[in-house]
Amino acid sequence: MTLPGAGDPAFYARHSARPALARAGVLALLLAFAPALARAGVLALLLAFAPELARAGVLALLLAFAPALARAGVLALLLAFAPALARAGAWTPPAGQGEVIVTTLFDLSNQDYNQAGRFTPAPKYRSYQASLYIDYGLADWLALTLKPSVQSSTLGPPADQKFTGLGDSEIGVRGRVWQNDDSVVSIQALASLPTTAGAVNASFSGSENAAFDFRVLGGKNISFGALPGFVDLSVGYRAYGGKPPNEGRADLSFGVYVTPRLMLLAQNFAIVSGPSFDPGYPRWAQDKAQFSLVYTLNPDWRAQVGGFATLAGVNAYREYGAVLALWRRF
């Protein structure tokens, strides 16, 4: 994931006049304001983006998705620590440059959200996933994205299922359509490859058909007190072949550089499916949070450690787990 100024001392120096004081207070402020920010959530960030998004013609798309995203719980803004699992931000790398992220993920669940969004007991679900994410600048305004992944998952009694094979794997391009000194707007098209399905439960192994994901992304450099940071928002639509219902999706990232080497990042991933008349692929929704720390080892290498949990859902696992990753710029 190409992020603005990560590990760049010059970027940090331009935005941080009083780093020691800000570092001492930033976590306390986040905790103190957590309830208000959770209620204000995405709405405040959309207002911050309004001038840029309006010029790009994106505001109408956001409004069209607003009811569905609200039902999925996207208004629950997250506070604290985390970088992305797989989704590139709005910024594009320079031509001939890019980033590779090797990620391992452990996922666990023993509860479901039922069709009313309430917790219900479920067979224990465990999943180990590994992915290689590549983001490469074909031109200064155009990036190629490639993310192959594999997974090994089990579902305990009474289901007693096991699946090992291709995970959520994607290929696509992202093009920058507008930029100024602090903000950027891009569009993205991805193709998600079918998994090597084999389990009885369709949601367990993924779709046997390809899917196509279209998004509008916006990024903006901001400051939290004296600390530099950024916010990144993407809104899109994923169309599936075959029986699974199509989905509206929104991802939100908020990052703060507390030192030139250490980044704190909070993310929210919201999905709301369309209606479905196939009991094997019911209508579903999920709102997931991921929290991590990313530490810059040197100008080319970064390490990530974090965790994630599902905040709300309908016909979905209540998941939680851990993520480890190594980032390499080239």
Foldseek 3Di string as FASTA:
>chain_A
DDDPLALPVVVFVVQFPDLVVCLVCVVVVCVVCQVVCLQCAVVVVCVVCVVVCVVVVCPVVCVVCVVLQVVQSNSRHDDKFDDDDADDFQAADAAAKWKKKKKKWKKWFQWWQAQVFDTDGFFIKIKIKIKIWIWHHNHNFKIKIWIWMWMWMAGHPPQGDIDTWTDFTKIWMKGWDDDDPFKTKIKIKMKTAAIPDDGPQCVRGDHNWIKMKIKIKMKGWDADVSWTWIKIKMWIKMGTPDAAFIKTKMKIKIWTDSDSFKIGMKMKIKIWGDQHPDPSHHTKIWIKIKGWMWGHPDPFKIKIKIKMFIDIMYRGTGMIIIMIMMMGID
